[in-house]
Amino acid sequence: MAKEPRVWQRMLSGRRLDLLNPSPLDVELDDIAHGLARVARWNGQTEGPHIFSVAQHSLLVGAIADHLDPGLPPSSRLAVLLHDAPEYVIGDIISPFKSVIGDAYKVVEHRLLGAIHVHFGLPSEPGAVLKRFIKRADRQAAFLEATHLAGFSREEAVRIFGRPEPLPRTVHRLLDPWPVAEAEERYRERILACTATPP
């Protein structure tokens, strides 16, 4: 049986990540935070002087998850924050384009997410309940971003993402796009807070 070819991506840390067979040893938080802070949600088609980055989106989803379940354990909070982490390598592919290219990208995305999870001490794949919970918080974030930043009407957003749930002002404050350096630092700090060993 033929071996899969090696397809490398070089990171600023000096790590070389094999996209088809990624190793948890080649995953670095600094690379993830750096990359996600520079990847634009909605292909950059958002209002404001700064992009709305995947790093900031991940923090928004995390804040929504915290609101929906204040007792969420740190490992689950970490999985929420990492739900789009493969995009530090493959970028944020918008849903309309995903429907054009089919599911081929999902294999690479799935392998990357598994390696990232293992790097951070999580199971390579979240359980079904946690997956559904992450999807629920993610869809709430997408609704807010669509209507506050990307020019969608409420009716259009409801049709695509479902009805929004009531969320506190603290969540809505996360919709003001941050400069890249701020998004990178805040994302890194939140990940470290979730991985810190309690005293």
Protein backbone atom coordinates (compact mmCIF):
# COMPACT_ATOMS: atom_id res chain seq x y z
CA MET A 1 0.00 0.00 0.00
CA ALA A 2 1.37 3.40 -1.02
CA LYS A 3 2.30 5.83 1.73
CA GLU A 4 0.59 9.19 1.86
CA PRO A 5 2.86 11.99 0.65
CA ARG A 6 4.25 14.41 3.19
CA VAL A 7 2.86 17.91 2.85
CA TRP A 8 4.69 20.28 5.15
CA GLN A 9 3.77 23.71 6.45
CA ARG A 10 6.54 25.68 8.14
CA MET A 11 5.55 27.70 11.21
CA LEU A 12 7.18 30.82 12.65
CA SER A 13 8.25 28.78 15.66
CA GLY A 14 10.41 26.72 13.30
CA ARG A 15 8.12 23.70 13.58
CA ARG A 16 7.25 21.86 10.38
CA LEU A 17 3.74 20.44 10.44
CA ASP A 18 2.81 17.54 8.17
CA LEU A 19 -0.73 18.42 7.06
CA LEU A 20 -1.68 14.84 6.21
CA ASN A 21 -0.13 13.24 9.29
CA PRO A 22 0.23 16.00 11.90
CA SER A 23 2.08 15.21 15.09
CA PRO A 24 1.01 16.70 18.44
CA LEU A 25 4.74 17.33 19.02
CA ASP A 26 4.74 19.87 16.19
CA VAL A 27 1.83 21.88 17.59
CA GLU A 28 2.72 25.12 19.42
CA LEU A 29 0.33 27.50 21.17
CA ASP A 30 2.25 30.53 19.89
CA ASP A 31 1.79 29.36 16.28
CA ILE A 32 -1.94 28.80 16.84
CA ALA A 33 -2.51 32.18 18.51
CA HIS A 34 -0.41 33.99 15.90
CA GLY A 35 -2.20 32.33 12.99
CA LEU A 36 -5.77 32.59 14.28
CA ALA A 37 -5.34 36.28 15.10
CA ARG A 38 -4.48 36.87 11.43
CA VAL A 39 -7.23 34.77 9.84
CA ALA A 40 -10.35 36.82 9.07
CA ARG A 41 -13.84 35.52 9.67
CA TRP A 42 -16.32 36.07 6.82
CA ASN A 43 -13.41 36.42 4.36
CA GLY A 44 -12.82 39.87 5.83
CA GLN A 45 -16.26 41.13 4.75
CA THR A 46 -16.96 42.74 8.11
CA GLU A 47 -17.36 46.28 9.36
CA GLY A 48 -14.73 48.17 11.31
CA PRO A 49 -11.07 49.13 10.97
CA HIS A 50 -9.85 45.65 12.01
CA ILE A 51 -10.67 42.15 10.81
CA PHE A 52 -12.82 40.01 13.06
CA SER A 53 -10.33 37.21 13.57
CA VAL A 54 -10.83 33.53 14.20
CA ALA A 55 -9.00 34.07 17.51
CA GLN A 56 -11.62 36.62 18.60
CA HIS A 57 -14.42 34.40 17.27
CA SER A 58 -13.08 31.53 19.38
CA LEU A 59 -13.13 33.73 22.48
CA LEU A 60 -16.69 34.81 21.63
CA VAL A 61 -17.75 31.15 21.34
CA GLY A 62 -15.99 30.50 24.65
CA ALA A 63 -17.88 33.32 26.36
CA ILE A 64 -21.19 32.03 24.98
CA ALA A 65 -20.34 28.52 26.17
CA ASP A 66 -19.49 29.87 29.64
CA HIS A 67 -22.89 31.59 29.74
CA LEU A 68 -24.79 28.52 28.54
CA ASP A 69 -23.05 26.27 31.08
CA PRO A 70 -21.21 28.13 33.87
CA GLY A 71 -20.12 24.78 35.34
CA LEU A 72 -18.28 23.68 32.22
CA PRO A 73 -15.03 21.93 33.25
CA PRO A 74 -11.70 23.43 32.09
CA SER A 75 -11.08 20.59 29.63
CA SER A 76 -14.40 21.29 27.90
CA ARG A 77 -13.72 25.05 27.91
CA LEU A 78 -10.40 24.30 26.26
CA ALA A 79 -12.08 22.15 23.59
CA VAL A 80 -14.49 25.02 22.89
CA LEU A 81 -11.62 27.49 22.46
CA LEU A 82 -9.81 25.08 20.13
CA HIS A 83 -12.82 24.22 17.96
CA ASP A 84 -11.46 26.23 15.00
CA ALA A 85 -7.77 25.83 15.82
CA PRO A 86 -6.93 23.96 12.57
CA GLU A 87 -7.61 27.23 10.78
CA TYR A 88 -4.21 28.51 11.95
CA VAL A 89 -2.90 26.24 9.20
CA ILE A 90 -5.71 25.89 6.62
CA GLY A 91 -7.49 29.23 7.00
CA ASP A 92 -11.20 29.85 7.46
CA ILE A 93 -13.06 28.32 4.53
CA ILE A 94 -16.43 30.04 4.21
CA SER A 95 -19.52 27.79 4.13
CA PRO A 96 -20.56 28.60 0.52
CA PHE A 97 -17.11 27.53 -0.73
CA LYS A 98 -17.20 24.38 1.43
CA SER A 99 -20.34 23.35 -0.44
CA VAL A 100 -18.48 23.82 -3.75
CA ILE A 101 -15.36 21.81 -2.85
CA GLY A 102 -17.12 19.02 -0.96
CA ASP A 103 -15.74 17.20 2.06
CA ALA A 104 -12.09 16.70 1.05
CA TYR A 105 -10.84 19.44 3.39
CA LYS A 106 -12.55 17.76 6.36
CA VAL A 107 -9.99 14.94 6.46
CA VAL A 108 -7.12 17.41 6.89
CA GLU A 109 -9.11 19.53 9.36
CA HIS A 110 -10.05 16.46 11.43
CA ARG A 111 -6.46 15.20 11.63
CA LEU A 112 -5.15 18.63 12.59
CA LEU A 113 -7.77 19.06 15.31
CA GLY A 114 -6.95 15.61 16.68
CA ALA A 115 -3.23 16.46 16.90
CA ILE A 116 -4.02 19.82 18.53
CA HIS A 117 -6.28 18.17 21.10
CA VAL A 118 -3.67 15.56 21.99
CA HIS A 119 -1.01 18.28 22.30
CA PHE A 120 -3.17 19.97 24.94
CA GLY A 121 -3.95 16.74 26.78
CA LEU A 122 -7.49 16.31 25.43
CA PRO A 123 -8.99 13.24 23.76
CA SER A 124 -8.33 13.41 20.02
CA GLU A 125 -12.06 13.82 19.42
CA PRO A 126 -14.65 15.36 21.75
CA GLY A 127 -17.61 13.23 22.77
CA ALA A 128 -20.95 13.61 20.98
CA VAL A 129 -22.53 15.72 23.76
CA LEU A 130 -19.63 18.18 23.85
CA LYS A 131 -19.59 18.37 20.03
CA ARG A 132 -23.27 19.33 19.99
CA PHE A 133 -22.68 21.90 22.73
CA ILE A 134 -19.78 23.47 20.82
CA LYS A 135 -21.90 23.60 17.67
CA ARG A 136 -24.70 25.33 19.60
CA ALA A 137 -22.35 28.02 20.95
CA ASP A 138 -20.67 28.37 17.54
CA ARG A 139 -23.99 28.96 15.77
CA GLN A 140 -24.93 31.60 18.35
CA ALA A 141 -21.62 33.36 17.69
CA ALA A 142 -22.15 33.15 13.92
CA PHE A 143 -25.61 34.72 14.29
CA LEU A 144 -24.19 37.63 16.29
CA GLU A 145 -21.29 38.16 13.89
CA ALA A 146 -23.57 37.95 10.85
CA THR A 147 -26.00 40.55 12.14
CA HIS A 148 -23.55 42.90 13.90
CA LEU A 149 -20.56 42.75 11.56
CA ALA A 150 -21.29 41.07 8.23
CA GLY A 151 -24.41 42.92 7.03
CA PHE A 152 -26.97 40.09 7.39
CA SER A 153 -30.56 40.95 8.23
CA ARG A 154 -31.99 39.28 11.32
CA GLU A 155 -34.39 37.23 9.16
CA GLU A 156 -31.56 35.97 6.95
CA ALA A 157 -29.43 35.06 9.95
CA VAL A 158 -32.31 33.21 11.64
CA ARG A 159 -32.86 31.21 8.45
CA ILE A 160 -29.17 30.20 8.26
CA PHE A 161 -28.10 29.93 11.92
CA GLY A 162 -31.35 29.45 13.83
CA ARG A 163 -32.99 31.64 16.45
CA PRO A 164 -30.60 33.41 18.85
CA GLU A 165 -30.68 32.74 22.57
CA PRO A 166 -30.64 35.62 25.09
CA LEU A 167 -27.04 36.50 25.88
CA PRO A 168 -25.58 39.03 28.35
CA ARG A 169 -23.97 42.32 27.38
CA THR A 170 -20.57 40.92 28.30
CA VAL A 171 -20.88 38.58 25.31
CA HIS A 172 -22.02 41.35 22.95
CA ARG A 173 -18.99 43.45 23.92
CA LEU A 174 -16.76 40.84 22.28
CA LEU A 175 -18.13 41.82 18.86
CA ASP A 176 -15.94 44.93 18.50
CA PRO A 177 -13.01 43.72 16.36
CA TRP A 178 -9.61 43.97 18.03
CA PRO A 179 -6.21 44.74 16.55
CA VAL A 180 -4.29 41.60 15.60
CA ALA A 181 -1.81 41.82 18.50
CA GLU A 182 -4.62 42.13 21.05
CA ALA A 183 -6.54 39.17 19.59
CA GLU A 184 -3.38 37.06 19.62
CA GLU A 185 -2.51 37.89 23.22
CA ARG A 186 -6.02 37.50 24.61
CA TYR A 187 -6.45 34.15 22.88
CA ARG A 188 -3.10 32.89 24.16
CA GLU A 189 -3.90 34.02 27.72
CA ARG A 190 -7.31 32.31 27.68
CA ILE A 191 -5.83 29.02 26.47
CA LEU A 192 -3.14 29.19 29.17
CA ALA A 193 -5.80 29.90 31.81
CA CYS A 194 -7.65 26.74 30.77
CA THR A 195 -4.51 24.63 30.82
CA ALA A 196 -3.11 25.94 34.10
CA THR A 197 -2.82 23.29 36.80
CA PRO A 198 -4.93 24.31 39.81
CA PRO A 199 -2.95 24.77 43.09
